[in-house]
């Protein structure tokens, strides 16, 4: 069985299994509440325009929705191991790496469905309030460049790291890491990754592509730095999956 077939089969299986889980809808709706509260507070100013509303929507989506995505994806590999599904799959033809990539892509795409629907509700509100149809294209561009790389970053590590950590421990560490590395204000004078390209909430892309400054960062990046930040986040997500593959290969060899 060739690699594309194995990857595609795993992708379809993971997508349809993940999309049926009530927990992904519940967790993402709950985490979106924080985004909505901040978003409405920032666009309540009478001087706010449709562009401002779209940019704040993308920014606050990138702040909190990846957290929900990471939490609901953290049990994907751990569940297979707990139910011994991985041992059954090992008897089938097809490489472990292809199945792992399919699992990552399928479960991530399924988790993106509620994220996109929540985001589109915000876009619908903006269209109803400002009557600006051009907002649709901007909303698509901002979603692809600002929240999406962060969600892929969170998904990659949330699928991979629970291979070696218990799921509850990983989830606690992940939430702590997210707020420390991405949302720690420089005013606290605590060393963090917030001002670096490892910030997964998209400040580099937001300012580089749309000239819209992040709430408490002033980066003045070039377009190339914005592109580099996206490549770095997505690349690290796949690097995490590769690391999980190497660990699982090592573990399987020891059986």
C-alpha atoms as a PDB file:
ATOM      1  CA  UNK A   1       0.000   0.000   0.000  1.00  0.00           C
ATOM      2  CA  UNK A   2       1.551   3.318  -1.038  1.00  0.00           C
ATOM      3  CA  UNK A   3       2.111   6.280   1.247  1.00  0.00           C
ATOM      4  CA  UNK A   4      -0.565   8.621  -0.257  1.00  0.00           C
ATOM      5  CA  UNK A   5      -3.221   5.915   0.142  1.00  0.00           C
ATOM      6  CA  UNK A   6      -2.283   5.238   3.760  1.00  0.00           C
ATOM      7  CA  UNK A   7      -2.125   8.950   4.581  1.00  0.00           C
ATOM      8  CA  UNK A   8      -5.455   9.621   2.866  1.00  0.00           C
ATOM      9  CA  UNK A   9      -7.158   6.722   4.626  1.00  0.00           C
ATOM     10  CA  UNK A  10      -5.878   7.817   8.039  1.00  0.00           C
ATOM     11  CA  UNK A  11      -6.879  11.401   7.269  1.00  0.00           C
ATOM     12  CA  UNK A  12     -10.471  10.441   6.413  1.00  0.00           C
ATOM     13  CA  UNK A  13     -10.810   8.164   9.442  1.00  0.00           C
ATOM     14  CA  UNK A  14      -9.436  10.758  11.864  1.00  0.00           C
ATOM     15  CA  UNK A  15     -11.501  13.562  10.356  1.00  0.00           C
ATOM     16  CA  UNK A  16     -14.847  11.795  10.669  1.00  0.00           C
ATOM     17  CA  UNK A  17     -14.074  10.421  14.110  1.00  0.00           C
ATOM     18  CA  UNK A  18     -12.913  13.787  15.452  1.00  0.00           C
ATOM     19  CA  UNK A  19     -15.710  15.866  13.950  1.00  0.00           C
ATOM     20  CA  UNK A  20     -18.309  13.713  15.781  1.00  0.00           C
ATOM     21  CA  UNK A  21     -16.831  14.391  19.198  1.00  0.00           C
ATOM     22  CA  UNK A  22     -18.953  16.770  21.237  1.00  0.00           C
ATOM     23  CA  UNK A  23     -15.938  17.814  23.276  1.00  0.00           C
ATOM     24  CA  UNK A  24     -14.282  19.688  20.404  1.00  0.00           C
ATOM     25  CA  UNK A  25     -17.376  21.840  19.918  1.00  0.00           C
ATOM     26  CA  UNK A  26     -17.838  22.456  23.632  1.00  0.00           C
ATOM     27  CA  UNK A  27     -14.187  23.303  24.351  1.00  0.00           C
ATOM     28  CA  UNK A  28     -13.817  25.588  21.343  1.00  0.00           C
ATOM     29  CA  UNK A  29     -17.067  27.415  22.084  1.00  0.00           C
ATOM     30  CA  UNK A  30     -15.942  27.967  25.677  1.00  0.00           C
ATOM     31  CA  UNK A  31     -12.498  29.252  24.662  1.00  0.00           C
ATOM     32  CA  UNK A  32     -14.074  31.496  22.029  1.00  0.00           C
ATOM     33  CA  UNK A  33     -15.986  33.330  24.759  1.00  0.00           C
ATOM     34  CA  UNK A  34     -12.753  35.033  25.858  1.00  0.00           C
ATOM     35  CA  UNK A  35     -12.062  36.059  22.262  1.00  0.00           C
ATOM     36  CA  UNK A  36     -15.569  37.451  21.825  1.00  0.00           C
ATOM     37  CA  UNK A  37     -15.457  39.462  25.040  1.00  0.00           C
ATOM     38  CA  UNK A  38     -12.172  41.133  24.099  1.00  0.00           C
ATOM     39  CA  UNK A  39     -13.244  41.617  20.488  1.00  0.00           C
ATOM     40  CA  UNK A  40     -16.509  43.352  21.383  1.00  0.00           C
ATOM     41  CA  UNK A  41     -14.685  45.558  23.885  1.00  0.00           C
ATOM     42  CA  UNK A  42     -12.212  46.729  21.248  1.00  0.00           C
ATOM     43  CA  UNK A  43     -14.783  47.384  18.495  1.00  0.00           C
ATOM     44  CA  UNK A  44     -17.302  49.126  20.769  1.00  0.00           C
ATOM     45  CA  UNK A  45     -15.610  52.440  19.987  1.00  0.00           C
ATOM     46  CA  UNK A  46     -17.784  54.402  17.552  1.00  0.00           C
ATOM     47  CA  UNK A  47     -14.684  55.243  15.488  1.00  0.00           C
ATOM     48  CA  UNK A  48     -13.917  51.562  14.783  1.00  0.00           C
ATOM     49  CA  UNK A  49     -14.146  50.603  11.115  1.00  0.00           C
ATOM     50  CA  UNK A  50     -14.754  47.278   9.384  1.00  0.00           C
ATOM     51  CA  UNK A  51     -11.007  46.821   8.886  1.00  0.00           C
ATOM     52  CA  UNK A  52     -10.381  47.293  12.608  1.00  0.00           C
ATOM     53  CA  UNK A  53     -13.114  44.795  13.454  1.00  0.00           C
ATOM     54  CA  UNK A  54     -11.650  42.175  11.095  1.00  0.00           C
ATOM     55  CA  UNK A  55      -8.121  42.634  12.421  1.00  0.00           C
ATOM     56  CA  UNK A  56      -9.181  42.395  16.053  1.00  0.00           C
ATOM     57  CA  UNK A  57     -11.300  39.341  15.221  1.00  0.00           C
ATOM     58  CA  UNK A  58      -8.277  37.583  13.693  1.00  0.00           C
ATOM     59  CA  UNK A  59      -6.009  38.644  16.551  1.00  0.00           C
ATOM     60  CA  UNK A  60      -8.238  37.500  19.388  1.00  0.00           C
ATOM     61  CA  UNK A  61      -9.105  34.296  17.538  1.00  0.00           C
ATOM     62  CA  UNK A  62      -5.353  33.615  17.426  1.00  0.00           C
ATOM     63  CA  UNK A  63      -5.059  34.337  21.139  1.00  0.00           C
ATOM     64  CA  UNK A  64      -7.470  31.722  22.475  1.00  0.00           C
ATOM     65  CA  UNK A  65      -8.837  29.308  19.842  1.00  0.00           C
ATOM     66  CA  UNK A  66      -5.488  27.470  19.415  1.00  0.00           C
ATOM     67  CA  UNK A  67      -5.615  26.722  23.137  1.00  0.00           C
ATOM     68  CA  UNK A  68      -8.934  24.930  22.699  1.00  0.00           C
ATOM     69  CA  UNK A  69      -7.640  23.142  19.611  1.00  0.00           C
ATOM     70  CA  UNK A  70      -4.552  21.960  21.463  1.00  0.00           C
ATOM     71  CA  UNK A  71      -6.575  20.662  24.399  1.00  0.00           C
ATOM     72  CA  UNK A  72      -8.963  18.567  22.302  1.00  0.00           C
ATOM     73  CA  UNK A  73      -6.170  17.125  20.125  1.00  0.00           C
ATOM     74  CA  UNK A  74      -3.983  16.035  23.016  1.00  0.00           C
ATOM     75  CA  UNK A  75      -5.538  12.574  23.385  1.00  0.00           C
ATOM     76  CA  UNK A  76      -5.314  11.414  19.778  1.00  0.00           C
ATOM     77  CA  UNK A  77      -2.233   9.174  20.029  1.00  0.00           C
ATOM     78  CA  UNK A  78      -2.695   8.460  23.729  1.00  0.00           C
ATOM     79  CA  UNK A  79      -6.191   7.104  23.070  1.00  0.00           C
ATOM     80  CA  UNK A  80      -4.892   4.737  20.388  1.00  0.00           C
ATOM     81  CA  UNK A  81      -2.283   3.426  22.798  1.00  0.00           C
ATOM     82  CA  UNK A  82      -4.761   3.066  25.666  1.00  0.00           C
ATOM     83  CA  UNK A  83      -7.227   1.100  23.509  1.00  0.00           C
ATOM     84  CA  UNK A  84      -4.407  -0.871  21.804  1.00  0.00           C
ATOM     85  CA  UNK A  85      -5.562   0.443  18.431  1.00  0.00           C
ATOM     86  CA  UNK A  86      -1.928   1.183  17.541  1.00  0.00           C
ATOM     87  CA  UNK A  87      -1.039  -2.500  17.919  1.00  0.00           C
ATOM     88  CA  UNK A  88      -3.845  -3.481  15.554  1.00  0.00           C
ATOM     89  CA  UNK A  89      -2.814  -0.842  13.011  1.00  0.00           C
ATOM     90  CA  UNK A  90       0.768  -2.116  13.119  1.00  0.00           C
ATOM     91  CA  UNK A  91      -0.444  -5.397  11.618  1.00  0.00           C
ATOM     92  CA  UNK A  92      -1.773  -3.600   8.538  1.00  0.00           C
ATOM     93  CA  UNK A  93       0.341  -2.678   5.507  1.00  0.00           C
ATOM     94  CA  UNK A  94       1.471   0.926   5.368  1.00  0.00           C
ATOM     95  CA  UNK A  95       4.114   2.921   7.151  1.00  0.00           C
ATOM     96  CA  UNK A  96       3.751   4.359  10.636  1.00  0.00           C
ATOM     97  CA  UNK A  97       4.891   7.769   9.373  1.00  0.00           C
ATOM     98  CA  UNK A  98       2.131   7.931   6.740  1.00  0.00           C
ATOM     99  CA  UNK A  99      -0.510   7.012   9.316  1.00  0.00           C
ATOM    100  CA  UNK A 100       0.842   9.598  11.727  1.00  0.00           C
ATOM    101  CA  UNK A 101       0.743  12.395   9.138  1.00  0.00           C
ATOM    102  CA  UNK A 102      -2.804  11.362   8.200  1.00  0.00           C
ATOM    103  CA  UNK A 103      -3.821  11.380  11.856  1.00  0.00           C
ATOM    104  CA  UNK A 104      -2.367  14.867  12.336  1.00  0.00           C
ATOM    105  CA  UNK A 105      -3.967  16.300   9.198  1.00  0.00           C
ATOM    106  CA  UNK A 106      -7.356  14.625   9.647  1.00  0.00           C
ATOM    107  CA  UNK A 107      -7.823  15.486  13.325  1.00  0.00           C
ATOM    108  CA  UNK A 108      -6.557  19.038  12.762  1.00  0.00           C
ATOM    109  CA  UNK A 109      -8.896  19.633   9.808  1.00  0.00           C
ATOM    110  CA  UNK A 110     -11.832  18.369  11.868  1.00  0.00           C
ATOM    111  CA  UNK A 111     -10.898  20.685  14.731  1.00  0.00           C
ATOM    112  CA  UNK A 112     -10.674  23.587  12.302  1.00  0.00           C
ATOM    113  CA  UNK A 113     -14.343  23.165  11.316  1.00  0.00           C
ATOM    114  CA  UNK A 114     -15.789  24.681  14.534  1.00  0.00           C
ATOM    115  CA  UNK A 115     -12.997  27.280  14.564  1.00  0.00           C
ATOM    116  CA  UNK A 116     -13.948  28.435  11.063  1.00  0.00           C
ATOM    117  CA  UNK A 117     -17.655  28.482  11.912  1.00  0.00           C
ATOM    118  CA  UNK A 118     -17.020  30.599  15.008  1.00  0.00           C
ATOM    119  CA  UNK A 119     -14.815  32.930  12.979  1.00  0.00           C
ATOM    120  CA  UNK A 120     -17.463  33.237  10.251  1.00  0.00           C
ATOM    121  CA  UNK A 121     -20.078  34.192  12.834  1.00  0.00           C
ATOM    122  CA  UNK A 122     -17.857  37.129  13.722  1.00  0.00           C
ATOM    123  CA  UNK A 123     -17.437  38.003  10.037  1.00  0.00           C
ATOM    124  CA  UNK A 124     -21.204  37.848   9.582  1.00  0.00           C
ATOM    125  CA  UNK A 125     -21.650  40.293  12.445  1.00  0.00           C
ATOM    126  CA  UNK A 126     -19.128  42.658  10.834  1.00  0.00           C
ATOM    127  CA  UNK A 127     -20.947  42.495   7.478  1.00  0.00           C
ATOM    128  CA  UNK A 128     -24.277  43.211   9.168  1.00  0.00           C
ATOM    129  CA  UNK A 129     -22.827  46.126  11.137  1.00  0.00           C
ATOM    130  CA  UNK A 130     -20.619  47.803   8.527  1.00  0.00           C
ATOM    131  CA  UNK A 131     -22.187  46.656   5.226  1.00  0.00           C
ATOM    132  CA  UNK A 132     -18.754  46.252   3.654  1.00  0.00           C
ATOM    133  CA  UNK A 133     -18.584  43.182   1.336  1.00  0.00           C
ATOM    134  CA  UNK A 134     -14.836  43.720   0.831  1.00  0.00           C
ATOM    135  CA  UNK A 135     -14.425  42.554   4.434  1.00  0.00           C
ATOM    136  CA  UNK A 136     -14.892  38.960   3.274  1.00  0.00           C
ATOM    137  CA  UNK A 137     -11.609  38.865   1.370  1.00  0.00           C
ATOM    138  CA  UNK A 138      -9.738  40.570   4.204  1.00  0.00           C
ATOM    139  CA  UNK A 139     -11.262  38.122   6.684  1.00  0.00           C
ATOM    140  CA  UNK A 140     -10.003  35.183   4.596  1.00  0.00           C
ATOM    141  CA  UNK A 141      -6.504  36.668   4.307  1.00  0.00           C
ATOM    142  CA  UNK A 142      -6.245  37.420   8.007  1.00  0.00           C
ATOM    143  CA  UNK A 143      -7.475  33.961   9.027  1.00  0.00           C
ATOM    144  CA  UNK A 144      -4.902  32.208   6.831  1.00  0.00           C
ATOM    145  CA  UNK A 145      -1.977  34.327   8.016  1.00  0.00           C
ATOM    146  CA  UNK A 146      -2.770  35.066  11.674  1.00  0.00           C
ATOM    147  CA  UNK A 147      -4.724  32.340  13.558  1.00  0.00           C
ATOM    148  CA  UNK A 148      -4.184  29.385  11.204  1.00  0.00           C
ATOM    149  CA  UNK A 149      -0.378  28.985  11.635  1.00  0.00           C
ATOM    150  CA  UNK A 150      -0.809  29.120  15.418  1.00  0.00           C
ATOM    151  CA  UNK A 151      -3.518  26.458  15.320  1.00  0.00           C
ATOM    152  CA  UNK A 152      -1.288  24.204  13.195  1.00  0.00           C
ATOM    153  CA  UNK A 153       1.571  24.826  15.626  1.00  0.00           C
ATOM    154  CA  UNK A 154      -0.585  23.923  18.634  1.00  0.00           C
ATOM    155  CA  UNK A 155      -2.025  20.893  16.841  1.00  0.00           C
ATOM    156  CA  UNK A 156       1.377  19.468  15.917  1.00  0.00           C
ATOM    157  CA  UNK A 157       2.696  19.571  19.461  1.00  0.00           C
ATOM    158  CA  UNK A 158      -0.615  18.425  20.973  1.00  0.00           C
ATOM    159  CA  UNK A 159      -0.671  15.340  18.766  1.00  0.00           C
ATOM    160  CA  UNK A 160       3.033  14.591  19.297  1.00  0.00           C
ATOM    161  CA  UNK A 161       4.006  15.336  22.897  1.00  0.00           C
ATOM    162  CA  UNK A 162       1.369  13.191  24.672  1.00  0.00           C
ATOM    163  CA  UNK A 163       3.297  10.236  23.259  1.00  0.00           C
ATOM    164  CA  UNK A 164       5.748  10.764  26.118  1.00  0.00           C
ATOM    165  CA  UNK A 165       3.623  12.762  28.582  1.00  0.00           C
ATOM    166  CA  UNK A 166       0.346  11.845  30.231  1.00  0.00           C
ATOM    167  CA  UNK A 167      -2.478  13.796  28.607  1.00  0.00           C
ATOM    168  CA  UNK A 168      -3.599  15.781  31.713  1.00  0.00           C
ATOM    169  CA  UNK A 169       0.008  16.770  32.465  1.00  0.00           C
ATOM    170  CA  UNK A 170       0.561  17.866  28.881  1.00  0.00           C
ATOM    171  CA  UNK A 171      -2.670  19.887  28.846  1.00  0.00           C
ATOM    172  CA  UNK A 172      -1.696  21.780  32.004  1.00  0.00           C
ATOM    173  CA  UNK A 173       1.807  22.463  30.671  1.00  0.00           C
ATOM    174  CA  UNK A 174       0.427  23.471  27.268  1.00  0.00           C
ATOM    175  CA  UNK A 175      -1.959  26.074  28.689  1.00  0.00           C
ATOM    176  CA  UNK A 176       0.799  27.496  30.894  1.00  0.00           C
ATOM    177  CA  UNK A 177       3.223  27.584  27.977  1.00  0.00           C
ATOM    178  CA  UNK A 178       0.705  29.265  25.676  1.00  0.00           C
ATOM    179  CA  UNK A 179       0.069  32.204  27.966  1.00  0.00           C
ATOM    180  CA  UNK A 180       3.735  32.544  28.956  1.00  0.00           C
ATOM    181  CA  UNK A 181       5.172  32.301  25.435  1.00  0.00           C
ATOM    182  CA  UNK A 182       2.502  34.231  23.536  1.00  0.00           C
ATOM    183  CA  UNK A 183       0.537  36.556  25.784  1.00  0.00           C
ATOM    184  CA  UNK A 184       2.990  37.690  28.454  1.00  0.00           C
ATOM    185  CA  UNK A 185       3.093  41.475  28.406  1.00  0.00           C
ATOM    186  CA  UNK A 186       6.591  43.031  28.429  1.00  0.00           C
ATOM    187  CA  UNK A 187       5.358  45.235  31.286  1.00  0.00           C
ATOM    188  CA  UNK A 188       5.788  42.277  33.665  1.00  0.00           C
ATOM    189  CA  UNK A 189       9.552  42.129  32.914  1.00  0.00           C
ATOM    190  CA  UNK A 190       9.422  38.326  32.882  1.00  0.00           C
ATOM    191  CA  UNK A 191      11.521  36.666  30.137  1.00  0.00           C
ATOM    192  CA  UNK A 192       9.240  35.033  27.561  1.00  0.00           C
ATOM    193  CA  UNK A 193       8.944  34.276  23.846  1.00  0.00           C
ATOM    194  CA  UNK A 194       6.214  36.871  23.259  1.00  0.00           C
ATOM    195  CA  UNK A 195       8.412  39.236  21.245  1.00  0.00           C
ATOM    196  CA  UNK A 196      10.065  36.495  19.184  1.00  0.00           C
ATOM    197  CA  UNK A 197       9.044  34.701  16.008  1.00  0.00           C
ATOM    198  CA  UNK A 198       7.996  31.772  18.197  1.00  0.00           C
ATOM    199  CA  UNK A 199       4.954  33.791  19.250  1.00  0.00           C
ATOM    200  CA  UNK A 200       2.188  31.614  17.785  1.00  0.00           C
ATOM    201  CA  UNK A 201      -0.558  34.247  17.919  1.00  0.00           C
ATOM    202  CA  UNK A 202       0.616  35.917  14.716  1.00  0.00           C
ATOM    203  CA  UNK A 203       1.937  39.380  15.682  1.00  0.00           C
ATOM    204  CA  UNK A 204       4.692  39.264  13.051  1.00  0.00           C
ATOM    205  CA  UNK A 205       2.364  38.374  10.193  1.00  0.00           C
ATOM    206  CA  UNK A 206      -0.310  40.776  11.402  1.00  0.00           C
ATOM    207  CA  UNK A 207       1.962  43.802  11.407  1.00  0.00           C
ATOM    208  CA  UNK A 208       4.042  42.772   8.374  1.00  0.00           C
ATOM    209  CA  UNK A 209       1.143  42.059   6.013  1.00  0.00           C
ATOM    210  CA  UNK A 210      -1.624  44.333   7.297  1.00  0.00           C
ATOM    211  CA  UNK A 211       0.288  47.124   9.100  1.00  0.00           C
ATOM    212  CA  UNK A 212      -1.956  46.577  12.103  1.00  0.00           C
ATOM    213  CA  UNK A 213      -0.082  46.524  15.390  1.00  0.00           C
ATOM    214  CA  UNK A 214      -0.620  43.795  17.933  1.00  0.00           C
ATOM    215  CA  UNK A 215      -2.191  44.981  21.188  1.00  0.00           C
ATOM    216  CA  UNK A 216       1.007  45.289  23.255  1.00  0.00           C
ATOM    217  CA  UNK A 217       3.848  44.678  20.786  1.00  0.00           C
ATOM    218  CA  UNK A 218       5.603  47.046  18.375  1.00  0.00           C
ATOM    219  CA  UNK A 219       7.740  44.946  16.043  1.00  0.00           C
ATOM    220  CA  UNK A 220       8.039  46.908  12.771  1.00  0.00           C
ATOM    221  CA  UNK A 221       8.689  43.695  10.793  1.00  0.00           C
ATOM    222  CA  UNK A 222       9.304  43.340   7.077  1.00  0.00           C
ATOM    223  CA  UNK A 223       7.089  41.205   4.858  1.00  0.00           C
ATOM    224  CA  UNK A 224       9.840  38.599   4.740  1.00  0.00           C
ATOM    225  CA  UNK A 225       9.884  38.409   8.516  1.00  0.00           C
ATOM    226  CA  UNK A 226       6.134  37.874   8.472  1.00  0.00           C
ATOM    227  CA  UNK A 227       6.578  35.021   6.003  1.00  0.00           C
ATOM    228  CA  UNK A 228       9.442  33.594   8.070  1.00  0.00           C
ATOM    229  CA  UNK A 229       7.282  33.553  11.207  1.00  0.00           C
ATOM    230  CA  UNK A 230       4.570  31.531   9.423  1.00  0.00           C
ATOM    231  CA  UNK A 231       7.094  29.068   7.969  1.00  0.00           C
ATOM    232  CA  UNK A 232       8.725  28.667  11.390  1.00  0.00           C
ATOM    233  CA  UNK A 233       5.453  27.861  13.165  1.00  0.00           C
ATOM    234  CA  UNK A 234       4.227  25.404  10.544  1.00  0.00           C
ATOM    235  CA  UNK A 235       7.678  23.846  10.217  1.00  0.00           C
ATOM    236  CA  UNK A 236       7.911  23.281  13.966  1.00  0.00           C
ATOM    237  CA  UNK A 237       4.515  21.576  13.974  1.00  0.00           C
ATOM    238  CA  UNK A 238       5.716  19.025  11.417  1.00  0.00           C
ATOM    239  CA  UNK A 239       9.032  18.694  13.259  1.00  0.00           C
ATOM    240  CA  UNK A 240       7.068  17.705  16.370  1.00  0.00           C
ATOM    241  CA  UNK A 241       5.208  15.055  14.363  1.00  0.00           C
ATOM    242  CA  UNK A 242       8.535  13.740  13.019  1.00  0.00           C
ATOM    243  CA  UNK A 243       9.878  13.540  16.582  1.00  0.00           C
ATOM    244  CA  UNK A 244       6.785  11.574  17.644  1.00  0.00           C
ATOM    245  CA  UNK A 245       7.321   9.222  14.684  1.00  0.00           C
ATOM    246  CA  UNK A 246      10.933   8.576  15.697  1.00  0.00           C
ATOM    247  CA  UNK A 247       9.883   7.880  19.274  1.00  0.00           C
ATOM    248  CA  UNK A 248       7.107   5.497  18.203  1.00  0.00           C
ATOM    249  CA  UNK A 249       9.513   3.666  15.879  1.00  0.00           C
ATOM    250  CA  UNK A 250      11.959   3.290  18.758  1.00  0.00           C
ATOM    251  CA  UNK A 251       9.177   2.111  21.074  1.00  0.00           C
ATOM    252  CA  UNK A 252       7.909  -0.407  18.510  1.00  0.00           C
ATOM    253  CA  UNK A 253      11.422  -1.790  18.016  1.00  0.00           C
ATOM    254  CA  UNK A 254      11.631  -2.509  21.739  1.00  0.00           C
ATOM    255  CA  UNK A 255       8.468  -4.622  21.830  1.00  0.00           C
END
